[in-house]
Amino acid sequence: MQLSAITTSAPPPAPKVEPAKVDPSKVESAKADPANVDLPGNDATGGAAALEPISISDKPSDRLDQLVGFFHRNPGWMKTGNVADQLRTAFDDVPKVGEFVRDLTEPADVGYGQAIRDQTQWQMKTGRQPNNTWWLRMNRQLVQDPLTAELAIRSGREDQLKTDGQKAWAKYIHESDKLYATMGLTPEQVAQAADAGKPVALSDAWKGVSLLDRAKVMLFDKPNVRKALWVAHRKTLEDGRPQAMKEAVHMHRVAPKEMSFSSSWASLIGYWSWLSPLVTGNQSKLAQKLILPQEETIDGADLSWTEKAFVKFADALDSKYERQVVKAAEAEDRAAAAAKSAGKG
């Protein structure tokens, strides 16, 4: 069963392959040779040019396309068959229950990128993208790091990756490739299907694969990929926070409660990532409905009791706002006062 596709208008460069109809059940398992990958940045003699981070759009819809394109080519896991679909369909006619079951269990065409995509859509829906400079800056890193790691790997320049976040996303991509290899797929074939608007499902490649290999995918490959994704997510947040301090100080002055909540959310996700939680289904969308503010800023907003409770809970777990953002703002104020005093003297 094929997964539904989301059209991507501005995906980053993907490996070029000869046009061919992909038969996932009868493909060769050989890995691609990165030296043969034709990507912008390789010089005319075949040598690898200096790696530059992928450019990320500040237009939210274009940025979402870039993110979705990455997870179509590197989903980390792929849908596993029709049985679960049939079970979900059996609940569809039960009022409220059917929708709830689908929200909890239905897989997405972006695989393990589902929670990140859902979170990005919440930011767009509430106006945090593009109107909140801190959210916009932090999200840019969460799109740029995986795309840059992908470019580095597919063009044979992984040794040029510099940040912990980029290197962690490279690990995620390698773990994803191992899963494809077990199923007899190469990265090029997965990318080709994604570029054609038909992201590959694991059920497409299931036939002809031994039970032992199926067990390896379910028991080892998929958990390893999921763990790698959460590590990469955490590393990128850790890299991004100090780089986004200017934006954090600005938002602290404009909407201090919102900035405090934003910092708390980033810290909470960092803690949560250590558990390597499942991201199947739309649990993140359910959480957004229940606990995440739907307003652009919580300053002056009339929050529901569940939103208020969550904001307080998250704030109680976060000390980085006071230690980092508030102190940075205070240091900026002291420097400005000193400059003003020196000018008068």
C-alpha atoms as a PDB file:
ATOM      1  CA  MET A   1       0.000   0.000   0.000  1.00  0.00           C
ATOM      2  CA  GLN A   2       1.433   3.324  -1.030  1.00  0.00           C
ATOM      3  CA  LEU A   3       1.499   6.258   1.334  1.00  0.00           C
ATOM      4  CA  SER A   4      -0.079   9.584   0.444  1.00  0.00           C
ATOM      5  CA  ALA A   5       2.359  12.238  -0.747  1.00  0.00           C
ATOM      6  CA  ILE A   6       2.801  15.895   0.072  1.00  0.00           C
ATOM      7  CA  THR A   7       4.013  17.993  -2.835  1.00  0.00           C
ATOM      8  CA  THR A   8       7.297  19.680  -2.073  1.00  0.00           C
ATOM      9  CA  SER A   9       8.004  22.850  -3.995  1.00  0.00           C
ATOM     10  CA  ALA A  10      11.504  23.584  -2.770  1.00  0.00           C
ATOM     11  CA  PRO A  11      13.320  20.415  -1.706  1.00  0.00           C
ATOM     12  CA  PRO A  12      17.090  20.447  -1.376  1.00  0.00           C
ATOM     13  CA  PRO A  13      19.162  18.648  -4.005  1.00  0.00           C
ATOM     14  CA  ALA A  14      18.632  14.895  -4.111  1.00  0.00           C
ATOM     15  CA  PRO A  15      20.815  12.226  -5.726  1.00  0.00           C
ATOM     16  CA  LYS A  16      20.239  11.887  -9.461  1.00  0.00           C
ATOM     17  CA  VAL A  17      19.359   8.463 -10.768  1.00  0.00           C
ATOM     18  CA  GLU A  18      18.440   7.128 -14.182  1.00  0.00           C
ATOM     19  CA  PRO A  19      14.658   7.234 -14.702  1.00  0.00           C
ATOM     20  CA  ALA A  20      13.270   3.812 -14.000  1.00  0.00           C
ATOM     21  CA  LYS A  21      10.225   2.266 -12.472  1.00  0.00           C
ATOM     22  CA  VAL A  22      11.037   1.205  -8.931  1.00  0.00           C
ATOM     23  CA  ASP A  23      10.045  -2.309  -7.974  1.00  0.00           C
ATOM     24  CA  PRO A  24      10.894  -2.304  -4.235  1.00  0.00           C
ATOM     25  CA  SER A  25      10.423  -6.050  -3.956  1.00  0.00           C
ATOM     26  CA  LYS A  26      13.081  -6.753  -6.588  1.00  0.00           C
ATOM     27  CA  VAL A  27      15.724  -4.111  -6.145  1.00  0.00           C
ATOM     28  CA  GLU A  28      19.428  -4.550  -5.639  1.00  0.00           C
ATOM     29  CA  SER A  29      20.699  -4.083  -2.109  1.00  0.00           C
ATOM     30  CA  ALA A  30      24.002  -2.459  -3.104  1.00  0.00           C
ATOM     31  CA  LYS A  31      24.702   0.901  -1.478  1.00  0.00           C
ATOM     32  CA  ALA A  32      25.310   3.992  -3.582  1.00  0.00           C
ATOM     33  CA  ASP A  33      28.850   5.147  -4.112  1.00  0.00           C
ATOM     34  CA  PRO A  34      28.940   8.744  -2.767  1.00  0.00           C
ATOM     35  CA  ALA A  35      31.692   9.561  -5.268  1.00  0.00           C
ATOM     36  CA  ASN A  36      29.193   9.080  -8.099  1.00  0.00           C
ATOM     37  CA  VAL A  37      26.538  11.362  -6.635  1.00  0.00           C
ATOM     38  CA  ASP A  38      26.085  14.461  -8.790  1.00  0.00           C
ATOM     39  CA  LEU A  39      25.170  17.362  -6.506  1.00  0.00           C
ATOM     40  CA  PRO A  40      25.817  21.087  -6.710  1.00  0.00           C
ATOM     41  CA  GLY A  41      29.073  21.775  -4.893  1.00  0.00           C
ATOM     42  CA  ASN A  42      31.166  19.108  -6.595  1.00  0.00           C
ATOM     43  CA  ASP A  43      33.797  20.725  -8.775  1.00  0.00           C
ATOM     44  CA  ALA A  44      34.372  19.937 -12.441  1.00  0.00           C
ATOM     45  CA  THR A  45      37.223  17.542 -11.727  1.00  0.00           C
ATOM     46  CA  GLY A  46      35.134  15.387  -9.424  1.00  0.00           C
ATOM     47  CA  GLY A  47      36.591  16.754  -6.191  1.00  0.00           C
ATOM     48  CA  ALA A  48      34.384  17.865  -3.346  1.00  0.00           C
ATOM     49  CA  ALA A  49      34.036  21.607  -2.868  1.00  0.00           C
ATOM     50  CA  ALA A  50      33.688  23.176   0.583  1.00  0.00           C
ATOM     51  CA  LEU A  51      30.388  22.232   2.194  1.00  0.00           C
ATOM     52  CA  GLU A  52      28.012  25.103   2.873  1.00  0.00           C
ATOM     53  CA  PRO A  53      24.843  24.779   4.974  1.00  0.00           C
ATOM     54  CA  ILE A  54      21.669  24.424   2.919  1.00  0.00           C
ATOM     55  CA  SER A  55      19.817  27.710   2.510  1.00  0.00           C
ATOM     56  CA  ILE A  56      16.511  27.666   4.419  1.00  0.00           C
ATOM     57  CA  SER A  57      13.574  29.836   3.416  1.00  0.00           C
ATOM     58  CA  ASP A  58      12.040  32.232   5.933  1.00  0.00           C
ATOM     59  CA  LYS A  59       8.699  31.779   4.177  1.00  0.00           C
ATOM     60  CA  PRO A  60       6.963  29.185   6.397  1.00  0.00           C
ATOM     61  CA  SER A  61       5.238  27.268   3.601  1.00  0.00           C
ATOM     62  CA  ASP A  62       8.460  26.935   1.596  1.00  0.00           C
ATOM     63  CA  ARG A  63      10.362  25.910   4.694  1.00  0.00           C
ATOM     64  CA  LEU A  64       7.766  23.225   5.452  1.00  0.00           C
ATOM     65  CA  ASP A  65       8.223  21.895   1.909  1.00  0.00           C
ATOM     66  CA  GLN A  66      11.977  21.636   2.536  1.00  0.00           C
ATOM     67  CA  LEU A  67      11.375  19.737   5.781  1.00  0.00           C
ATOM     68  CA  VAL A  68       8.830  17.357   4.255  1.00  0.00           C
ATOM     69  CA  GLY A  69      11.139  16.705   1.310  1.00  0.00           C
ATOM     70  CA  PHE A  70      13.888  15.568   3.652  1.00  0.00           C
ATOM     71  CA  PHE A  71      11.647  13.115   5.507  1.00  0.00           C
ATOM     72  CA  HIS A  72      10.194  11.761   2.275  1.00  0.00           C
ATOM     73  CA  ARG A  73      13.736  10.829   1.248  1.00  0.00           C
ATOM     74  CA  ASN A  74      14.835   9.851   4.773  1.00  0.00           C
ATOM     75  CA  PRO A  75      11.701   8.784   6.667  1.00  0.00           C
ATOM     76  CA  GLY A  76      13.630   6.583   9.086  1.00  0.00           C
ATOM     77  CA  TRP A  77      10.850   4.026   9.045  1.00  0.00           C
ATOM     78  CA  MET A  78       8.231   2.969   6.573  1.00  0.00           C
ATOM     79  CA  LYS A  79       4.651   1.789   6.909  1.00  0.00           C
ATOM     80  CA  THR A  80       4.381  -1.914   7.637  1.00  0.00           C
ATOM     81  CA  GLY A  81       1.270  -3.227   5.898  1.00  0.00           C
ATOM     82  CA  ASN A  82      -2.515  -3.311   5.568  1.00  0.00           C
ATOM     83  CA  VAL A  83      -3.592  -5.038   8.802  1.00  0.00           C
ATOM     84  CA  ALA A  84      -3.420  -1.892  10.904  1.00  0.00           C
ATOM     85  CA  ASP A  85      -5.332   0.039   8.229  1.00  0.00           C
ATOM     86  CA  GLN A  86      -8.088  -2.554   8.305  1.00  0.00           C
ATOM     87  CA  LEU A  87      -8.308  -2.351  12.094  1.00  0.00           C
ATOM     88  CA  ARG A  88      -8.535   1.442  11.972  1.00  0.00           C
ATOM     89  CA  THR A  89     -11.254   1.247   9.328  1.00  0.00           C
ATOM     90  CA  ALA A  90     -13.301  -1.005  11.616  1.00  0.00           C
ATOM     91  CA  PHE A  91     -13.534   1.843  14.149  1.00  0.00           C
ATOM     92  CA  ASP A  92     -14.327   4.589  11.645  1.00  0.00           C
ATOM     93  CA  ASP A  93     -18.105   4.387  12.090  1.00  0.00           C
ATOM     94  CA  VAL A  94     -17.922   4.591  15.888  1.00  0.00           C
ATOM     95  CA  PRO A  95     -18.600   8.234  16.857  1.00  0.00           C
ATOM     96  CA  LYS A  96     -15.503   9.998  18.241  1.00  0.00           C
ATOM     97  CA  VAL A  97     -13.739   6.678  18.841  1.00  0.00           C
ATOM     98  CA  GLY A  98     -12.777   6.193  15.204  1.00  0.00           C
ATOM     99  CA  GLU A  99     -11.178   9.612  14.914  1.00  0.00           C
ATOM    100  CA  PHE A 100      -9.394   9.137  18.237  1.00  0.00           C
ATOM    101  CA  VAL A 101      -7.973   5.753  17.174  1.00  0.00           C
ATOM    102  CA  ARG A 102      -6.670   7.242  13.937  1.00  0.00           C
ATOM    103  CA  ASP A 103      -5.132  10.162  15.782  1.00  0.00           C
ATOM    104  CA  LEU A 104      -3.245   7.760  18.029  1.00  0.00           C
ATOM    105  CA  THR A 105      -2.096   5.227  15.481  1.00  0.00           C
ATOM    106  CA  GLU A 106      -2.218   6.358  11.860  1.00  0.00           C
ATOM    107  CA  PRO A 107       1.246   6.623  10.301  1.00  0.00           C
ATOM    108  CA  ALA A 108       2.286   9.484   8.090  1.00  0.00           C
ATOM    109  CA  ASP A 109       4.143   9.648   4.809  1.00  0.00           C
ATOM    110  CA  VAL A 110       7.041  11.422   6.572  1.00  0.00           C
ATOM    111  CA  GLY A 111       7.767   8.525   8.946  1.00  0.00           C
ATOM    112  CA  TYR A 112       9.673   9.585  12.045  1.00  0.00           C
ATOM    113  CA  GLY A 113       9.496  13.190  10.895  1.00  0.00           C
ATOM    114  CA  GLN A 114       5.811  13.278  11.741  1.00  0.00           C
ATOM    115  CA  ALA A 115       6.126  14.968  15.148  1.00  0.00           C
ATOM    116  CA  ILE A 116       8.562  17.568  13.797  1.00  0.00           C
ATOM    117  CA  ARG A 117       6.236  18.336  10.892  1.00  0.00           C
ATOM    118  CA  ASP A 118       3.226  18.606  13.210  1.00  0.00           C
ATOM    119  CA  GLN A 119       5.105  20.928  15.546  1.00  0.00           C
ATOM    120  CA  THR A 120       6.136  23.119  12.611  1.00  0.00           C
ATOM    121  CA  GLN A 121       2.529  23.307  11.456  1.00  0.00           C
ATOM    122  CA  TRP A 122       1.466  24.396  14.970  1.00  0.00           C
ATOM    123  CA  GLN A 123       4.043  27.184  14.849  1.00  0.00           C
ATOM    124  CA  MET A 124       2.653  28.313  11.497  1.00  0.00           C
ATOM    125  CA  LYS A 125      -0.974  28.049  12.599  1.00  0.00           C
ATOM    126  CA  THR A 126      -0.397  30.174  15.699  1.00  0.00           C
ATOM    127  CA  GLY A 127       1.734  32.765  13.903  1.00  0.00           C
ATOM    128  CA  ARG A 128       4.959  31.902  15.718  1.00  0.00           C
ATOM    129  CA  GLN A 129       6.250  31.415  12.228  1.00  0.00           C
ATOM    130  CA  PRO A 130       7.048  33.931  10.844  1.00  0.00           C
ATOM    131  CA  ASN A 131       6.121  36.573  13.448  1.00  0.00           C
ATOM    132  CA  ASN A 132       8.168  35.308  16.409  1.00  0.00           C
ATOM    133  CA  THR A 133      11.849  35.777  15.597  1.00  0.00           C
ATOM    134  CA  TRP A 134      13.011  33.219  18.179  1.00  0.00           C
ATOM    135  CA  TRP A 135      10.742  30.415  16.986  1.00  0.00           C
ATOM    136  CA  LEU A 136      11.653  31.209  13.387  1.00  0.00           C
ATOM    137  CA  ARG A 137      15.377  31.069  14.137  1.00  0.00           C
ATOM    138  CA  MET A 138      15.232  27.851  16.145  1.00  0.00           C
ATOM    139  CA  ASN A 139      13.056  26.072  13.585  1.00  0.00           C
ATOM    140  CA  ARG A 140      15.439  27.096  10.810  1.00  0.00           C
ATOM    141  CA  GLN A 141      18.178  25.103  12.521  1.00  0.00           C
ATOM    142  CA  LEU A 142      15.894  22.066  12.811  1.00  0.00           C
ATOM    143  CA  VAL A 143      15.433  22.135   9.031  1.00  0.00           C
ATOM    144  CA  GLN A 144      18.939  23.203   8.045  1.00  0.00           C
ATOM    145  CA  ASP A 145      20.904  20.611  10.041  1.00  0.00           C
ATOM    146  CA  PRO A 146      19.278  17.489   8.536  1.00  0.00           C
ATOM    147  CA  LEU A 147      19.367  18.879   4.995  1.00  0.00           C
ATOM    148  CA  THR A 148      23.020  19.854   5.334  1.00  0.00           C
ATOM    149  CA  ALA A 149      23.877  16.416   6.727  1.00  0.00           C
ATOM    150  CA  GLU A 150      22.027  14.798   3.822  1.00  0.00           C
ATOM    151  CA  LEU A 151      23.932  16.875   1.273  1.00  0.00           C
ATOM    152  CA  ALA A 152      27.235  16.016   2.945  1.00  0.00           C
ATOM    153  CA  ILE A 153      26.573  12.270   2.955  1.00  0.00           C
ATOM    154  CA  ARG A 154      25.185  12.025  -0.575  1.00  0.00           C
ATOM    155  CA  SER A 155      28.096  14.051  -2.000  1.00  0.00           C
ATOM    156  CA  GLY A 156      30.858  12.303  -0.038  1.00  0.00           C
ATOM    157  CA  ARG A 157      31.637  15.276   2.219  1.00  0.00           C
ATOM    158  CA  GLU A 158      30.535  14.010   5.607  1.00  0.00           C
ATOM    159  CA  ASP A 159      33.961  14.828   7.056  1.00  0.00           C
ATOM    160  CA  GLN A 160      33.136  18.503   6.497  1.00  0.00           C
ATOM    161  CA  LEU A 161      30.195  18.529   8.914  1.00  0.00           C
ATOM    162  CA  LYS A 162      31.048  20.853  11.787  1.00  0.00           C
ATOM    163  CA  THR A 163      28.346  20.999  14.474  1.00  0.00           C
ATOM    164  CA  ASP A 164      27.116  18.323  16.859  1.00  0.00           C
ATOM    165  CA  GLY A 165      23.636  18.719  15.408  1.00  0.00           C
ATOM    166  CA  GLN A 166      24.776  18.148  11.830  1.00  0.00           C
ATOM    167  CA  LYS A 167      26.812  15.103  12.832  1.00  0.00           C
ATOM    168  CA  ALA A 168      23.886  13.667  14.789  1.00  0.00           C
ATOM    169  CA  TRP A 169      21.600  14.031  11.777  1.00  0.00           C
ATOM    170  CA  ALA A 170      24.221  12.259   9.691  1.00  0.00           C
ATOM    171  CA  LYS A 171      23.938   9.355  12.138  1.00  0.00           C
ATOM    172  CA  TYR A 172      20.163   9.367  11.663  1.00  0.00           C
ATOM    173  CA  ILE A 173      20.554   9.194   7.873  1.00  0.00           C
ATOM    174  CA  HIS A 174      23.036   6.312   8.116  1.00  0.00           C
ATOM    175  CA  GLU A 175      20.663   4.375  10.393  1.00  0.00           C
ATOM    176  CA  SER A 176      17.842   5.010   7.925  1.00  0.00           C
ATOM    177  CA  ASP A 177      19.992   3.715   5.075  1.00  0.00           C
ATOM    178  CA  LYS A 178      20.688   0.526   7.050  1.00  0.00           C
ATOM    179  CA  LEU A 179      16.958  -0.077   7.312  1.00  0.00           C
ATOM    180  CA  TYR A 180      16.511   0.349   3.558  1.00  0.00           C
ATOM    181  CA  ALA A 181      19.439  -1.980   2.882  1.00  0.00           C
ATOM    182  CA  THR A 182      17.831  -4.712   4.974  1.00  0.00           C
ATOM    183  CA  MET A 183      14.784  -4.419   2.744  1.00  0.00           C
ATOM    184  CA  GLY A 184      16.873  -4.374  -0.452  1.00  0.00           C
ATOM    185  CA  LEU A 185      16.511  -0.642  -1.153  1.00  0.00           C
ATOM    186  CA  THR A 186      19.187   1.926  -1.893  1.00  0.00           C
ATOM    187  CA  PRO A 187      19.007   5.625  -0.882  1.00  0.00           C
ATOM    188  CA  GLU A 188      18.708   6.536  -4.581  1.00  0.00           C
ATOM    189  CA  GLN A 189      15.619   4.376  -5.019  1.00  0.00           C
ATOM    190  CA  VAL A 190      13.973   5.845  -1.939  1.00  0.00           C
ATOM    191  CA  ALA A 191      14.788   9.376  -3.173  1.00  0.00           C
ATOM    192  CA  GLN A 192      13.526   8.579  -6.667  1.00  0.00           C
ATOM    193  CA  ALA A 193      10.175   7.411  -5.326  1.00  0.00           C
ATOM    194  CA  ALA A 194       9.928  10.502  -3.109  1.00  0.00           C
ATOM    195  CA  ASP A 195      10.734  12.849  -6.001  1.00  0.00           C
ATOM    196  CA  ALA A 196       8.017  11.132  -8.037  1.00  0.00           C
ATOM    197  CA  GLY A 197       5.504  11.960  -5.294  1.00  0.00           C
ATOM    198  CA  LYS A 198       5.207   8.343  -4.112  1.00  0.00           C
ATOM    199  CA  PRO A 199       7.202   7.900  -0.876  1.00  0.00           C
ATOM    200  CA  VAL A 200       8.133   4.263  -0.352  1.00  0.00           C
ATOM    201  CA  ALA A 201       6.287   2.226   2.263  1.00  0.00           C
ATOM    202  CA  LEU A 202       7.898  -0.730   3.968  1.00  0.00           C
ATOM    203  CA  SER A 203       4.955  -2.840   2.846  1.00  0.00           C
ATOM    204  CA  ASP A 204       5.997  -2.104  -0.754  1.00  0.00           C
ATOM    205  CA  ALA A 205       9.320  -3.855  -0.128  1.00  0.00           C
ATOM    206  CA  TRP A 206       8.021  -6.576   2.220  1.00  0.00           C
ATOM    207  CA  LYS A 207       7.499  -9.346  -0.344  1.00  0.00           C
ATOM    208  CA  GLY A 208      10.418 -11.674  -0.836  1.00  0.00           C
ATOM    209  CA  VAL A 209      12.149 -10.569   2.371  1.00  0.00           C
ATOM    210  CA  SER A 210      12.921 -13.240   4.933  1.00  0.00           C
ATOM    211  CA  LEU A 211      11.174 -13.347   8.297  1.00  0.00           C
ATOM    212  CA  LEU A 212      14.584 -12.908   9.907  1.00  0.00           C
ATOM    213  CA  ASP A 213      15.158  -9.639   8.046  1.00  0.00           C
ATOM    214  CA  ARG A 214      11.649  -8.463   8.895  1.00  0.00           C
ATOM    215  CA  ALA A 215      12.346  -9.152  12.545  1.00  0.00           C
ATOM    216  CA  LYS A 216      15.646  -7.263  12.300  1.00  0.00           C
ATOM    217  CA  VAL A 217      13.835  -4.216  10.906  1.00  0.00           C
ATOM    218  CA  MET A 218      11.157  -4.232  13.589  1.00  0.00           C
ATOM    219  CA  LEU A 219      13.336  -5.108  16.605  1.00  0.00           C
ATOM    220  CA  PHE A 220      16.592  -3.331  15.795  1.00  0.00           C
ATOM    221  CA  ASP A 221      16.609  -1.054  12.744  1.00  0.00           C
ATOM    222  CA  LYS A 222      13.532   1.008  13.536  1.00  0.00           C
ATOM    223  CA  PRO A 223      14.373   1.550  17.255  1.00  0.00           C
ATOM    224  CA  ASN A 224      17.924   2.551  16.292  1.00  0.00           C
ATOM    225  CA  VAL A 225      16.636   5.075  13.771  1.00  0.00           C
ATOM    226  CA  ARG A 226      14.117   6.519  16.235  1.00  0.00           C
ATOM    227  CA  LYS A 227      16.803   6.950  18.869  1.00  0.00           C
ATOM    228  CA  ALA A 228      19.102   8.625  16.328  1.00  0.00           C
ATOM    229  CA  LEU A 229      16.344  11.064  15.384  1.00  0.00           C
ATOM    230  CA  TRP A 230      15.740  12.152  18.985  1.00  0.00           C
ATOM    231  CA  VAL A 231      19.467  12.553  19.636  1.00  0.00           C
ATOM    232  CA  ALA A 232      19.758  14.703  16.512  1.00  0.00           C
ATOM    233  CA  HIS A 233      16.746  16.771  17.535  1.00  0.00           C
ATOM    234  CA  ARG A 234      18.243  17.400  20.980  1.00  0.00           C
ATOM    235  CA  LYS A 235      21.713  18.218  19.632  1.00  0.00           C
ATOM    236  CA  THR A 236      20.276  20.742  17.182  1.00  0.00           C
ATOM    237  CA  LEU A 237      18.311  22.447  19.971  1.00  0.00           C
ATOM    238  CA  GLU A 238      21.457  22.604  22.083  1.00  0.00           C
ATOM    239  CA  ASP A 239      23.423  24.091  19.184  1.00  0.00           C
ATOM    240  CA  GLY A 240      20.671  26.546  18.298  1.00  0.00           C
ATOM    241  CA  ARG A 241      19.874  28.110  21.666  1.00  0.00           C
ATOM    242  CA  PRO A 242      23.072  30.143  22.066  1.00  0.00           C
ATOM    243  CA  GLN A 243      22.984  31.118  18.394  1.00  0.00           C
ATOM    244  CA  ALA A 244      19.417  32.420  18.827  1.00  0.00           C
ATOM    245  CA  MET A 245      20.196  34.470  21.928  1.00  0.00           C
ATOM    246  CA  LYS A 246      19.779  37.785  20.113  1.00  0.00           C
ATOM    247  CA  GLU A 247      16.267  36.782  19.096  1.00  0.00           C
ATOM    248  CA  ALA A 248      15.555  35.462  22.604  1.00  0.00           C
ATOM    249  CA  VAL A 249      16.527  38.765  24.226  1.00  0.00           C
ATOM    250  CA  HIS A 250      14.356  40.633  21.721  1.00  0.00           C
ATOM    251  CA  MET A 251      11.328  38.442  22.481  1.00  0.00           C
ATOM    252  CA  HIS A 252      12.039  38.743  26.214  1.00  0.00           C
ATOM    253  CA  ARG A 253      11.564  42.491  25.880  1.00  0.00           C
ATOM    254  CA  VAL A 254       8.527  42.271  23.591  1.00  0.00           C
ATOM    255  CA  ALA A 255       6.638  39.352  25.170  1.00  0.00           C
ATOM    256  CA  PRO A 256       8.395  38.037  28.310  1.00  0.00           C
ATOM    257  CA  LYS A 257       5.769  35.413  29.193  1.00  0.00           C
ATOM    258  CA  GLU A 258       5.864  34.021  25.670  1.00  0.00           C
ATOM    259  CA  MET A 259       9.658  33.879  25.691  1.00  0.00           C
ATOM    260  CA  SER A 260       9.640  32.145  29.056  1.00  0.00           C
ATOM    261  CA  PHE A 261       7.165  29.568  27.715  1.00  0.00           C
ATOM    262  CA  SER A 262       9.208  29.153  24.509  1.00  0.00           C
ATOM    263  CA  SER A 263      12.364  28.439  26.483  1.00  0.00           C
ATOM    264  CA  SER A 264      10.458  26.020  28.707  1.00  0.00           C
ATOM    265  CA  TRP A 265       9.119  24.144  25.701  1.00  0.00           C
ATOM    266  CA  ALA A 266      12.600  23.728  24.221  1.00  0.00           C
ATOM    267  CA  SER A 267      13.912  22.449  27.558  1.00  0.00           C
ATOM    268  CA  LEU A 268      10.993  20.045  27.961  1.00  0.00           C
ATOM    269  CA  ILE A 269      11.528  18.588  24.491  1.00  0.00           C
ATOM    270  CA  GLY A 270      15.208  18.154  25.367  1.00  0.00           C
ATOM    271  CA  TYR A 271      14.292  16.125  28.449  1.00  0.00           C
ATOM    272  CA  TRP A 272      11.627  14.164  26.548  1.00  0.00           C
ATOM    273  CA  SER A 273      14.083  13.221  23.810  1.00  0.00           C
ATOM    274  CA  TRP A 274      16.129  11.127  26.247  1.00  0.00           C
ATOM    275  CA  LEU A 275      13.207   8.673  26.381  1.00  0.00           C
ATOM    276  CA  SER A 276      13.291   8.199  22.596  1.00  0.00           C
ATOM    277  CA  PRO A 277       9.466   8.161  22.562  1.00  0.00           C
ATOM    278  CA  LEU A 278       7.319   6.708  19.809  1.00  0.00           C
ATOM    279  CA  VAL A 279       6.087   9.215  17.251  1.00  0.00           C
ATOM    280  CA  THR A 280       3.616   7.012  15.372  1.00  0.00           C
ATOM    281  CA  GLY A 281       0.238   8.589  14.817  1.00  0.00           C
ATOM    282  CA  ASN A 282      -0.849  12.110  15.619  1.00  0.00           C
ATOM    283  CA  GLN A 283      -0.124  12.232  19.338  1.00  0.00           C
ATOM    284  CA  SER A 284       1.597  15.570  18.867  1.00  0.00           C
ATOM    285  CA  LYS A 285      -1.546  17.021  17.280  1.00  0.00           C
ATOM    286  CA  LEU A 286      -3.616  15.785  20.222  1.00  0.00           C
ATOM    287  CA  ALA A 287      -1.166  17.436  22.608  1.00  0.00           C
ATOM    288  CA  GLN A 288      -1.406  20.661  20.641  1.00  0.00           C
ATOM    289  CA  LYS A 289      -5.183  20.687  21.051  1.00  0.00           C
ATOM    290  CA  LEU A 290      -5.010  20.048  24.792  1.00  0.00           C
ATOM    291  CA  ILE A 291      -1.979  21.844  26.190  1.00  0.00           C
ATOM    292  CA  LEU A 292      -0.234  24.083  23.668  1.00  0.00           C
ATOM    293  CA  PRO A 293      -1.447  27.703  23.384  1.00  0.00           C
ATOM    294  CA  GLN A 294      -3.225  28.466  20.137  1.00  0.00           C
ATOM    295  CA  GLU A 295      -2.506  32.199  20.377  1.00  0.00           C
ATOM    296  CA  GLU A 296       0.575  33.796  18.847  1.00  0.00           C
ATOM    297  CA  THR A 297       1.757  34.929  22.288  1.00  0.00           C
ATOM    298  CA  ILE A 298       0.569  33.992  25.763  1.00  0.00           C
ATOM    299  CA  ASP A 299       1.108  37.541  27.052  1.00  0.00           C
ATOM    300  CA  GLY A 300      -2.409  38.826  27.707  1.00  0.00           C
ATOM    301  CA  ALA A 301      -4.017  35.731  26.192  1.00  0.00           C
ATOM    302  CA  ASP A 302      -7.044  34.010  27.723  1.00  0.00           C
ATOM    303  CA  LEU A 303      -5.628  30.494  28.061  1.00  0.00           C
ATOM    304  CA  SER A 304      -7.673  27.414  28.854  1.00  0.00           C
ATOM    305  CA  TRP A 305      -7.058  25.723  32.188  1.00  0.00           C
ATOM    306  CA  THR A 306      -5.125  22.908  30.505  1.00  0.00           C
ATOM    307  CA  GLU A 307      -2.915  25.418  28.687  1.00  0.00           C
ATOM    308  CA  LYS A 308      -2.305  27.387  31.885  1.00  0.00           C
ATOM    309  CA  ALA A 309      -1.417  24.204  33.762  1.00  0.00           C
ATOM    310  CA  PHE A 310       1.018  23.099  31.083  1.00  0.00           C
ATOM    311  CA  VAL A 311       2.712  26.503  30.878  1.00  0.00           C
ATOM    312  CA  LYS A 312       3.298  26.437  34.647  1.00  0.00           C
ATOM    313  CA  PHE A 313       4.502  22.839  34.563  1.00  0.00           C
ATOM    314  CA  ALA A 314       6.968  23.502  31.756  1.00  0.00           C
ATOM    315  CA  ASP A 315       8.229  26.681  33.427  1.00  0.00           C
ATOM    316  CA  ALA A 316       8.922  24.772  36.630  1.00  0.00           C
ATOM    317  CA  LEU A 317      11.242  22.438  34.734  1.00  0.00           C
ATOM    318  CA  ASP A 318      13.157  25.180  32.938  1.00  0.00           C
ATOM    319  CA  SER A 319      15.973  27.132  34.536  1.00  0.00           C
ATOM    320  CA  LYS A 320      17.663  28.104  31.276  1.00  0.00           C
ATOM    321  CA  TYR A 321      15.393  31.084  30.681  1.00  0.00           C
ATOM    322  CA  GLU A 322      16.486  32.815  33.872  1.00  0.00           C
ATOM    323  CA  ARG A 323      20.117  31.688  33.567  1.00  0.00           C
ATOM    324  CA  GLN A 324      20.542  32.465  29.897  1.00  0.00           C
ATOM    325  CA  VAL A 325      17.957  34.818  28.415  1.00  0.00           C
ATOM    326  CA  VAL A 326      17.279  37.037  31.417  1.00  0.00           C
ATOM    327  CA  LYS A 327      20.970  37.344  32.271  1.00  0.00           C
ATOM    328  CA  ALA A 328      21.819  38.138  28.664  1.00  0.00           C
ATOM    329  CA  ALA A 329      19.184  40.899  28.650  1.00  0.00           C
ATOM    330  CA  GLU A 330      20.498  42.273  31.937  1.00  0.00           C
ATOM    331  CA  ALA A 331      24.066  42.256  30.626  1.00  0.00           C
ATOM    332  CA  GLU A 332      22.887  44.104  27.528  1.00  0.00           C
ATOM    333  CA  ASP A 333      21.169  46.707  29.709  1.00  0.00           C
ATOM    334  CA  ARG A 334      24.275  47.199  31.827  1.00  0.00           C
ATOM    335  CA  ALA A 335      26.449  47.642  28.742  1.00  0.00           C
ATOM    336  CA  ALA A 336      24.007  50.184  27.328  1.00  0.00           C
ATOM    337  CA  ALA A 337      23.913  52.080  30.628  1.00  0.00           C
ATOM    338  CA  ALA A 338      27.696  52.099  30.835  1.00  0.00           C
ATOM    339  CA  ALA A 339      27.976  53.372  27.283  1.00  0.00           C
ATOM    340  CA  LYS A 340      25.446  56.089  27.992  1.00  0.00           C
ATOM    341  CA  SER A 341      27.269  57.090  31.178  1.00  0.00           C
ATOM    342  CA  ALA A 342      30.617  57.180  29.382  1.00  0.00           C
ATOM    343  CA  GLY A 343      29.091  59.364  26.686  1.00  0.00           C
ATOM    344  CA  LYS A 344      27.898  61.866  29.224  1.00  0.00           C
ATOM    345  CA  GLY A 345      31.321  61.899  30.921  1.00  0.00           C
END
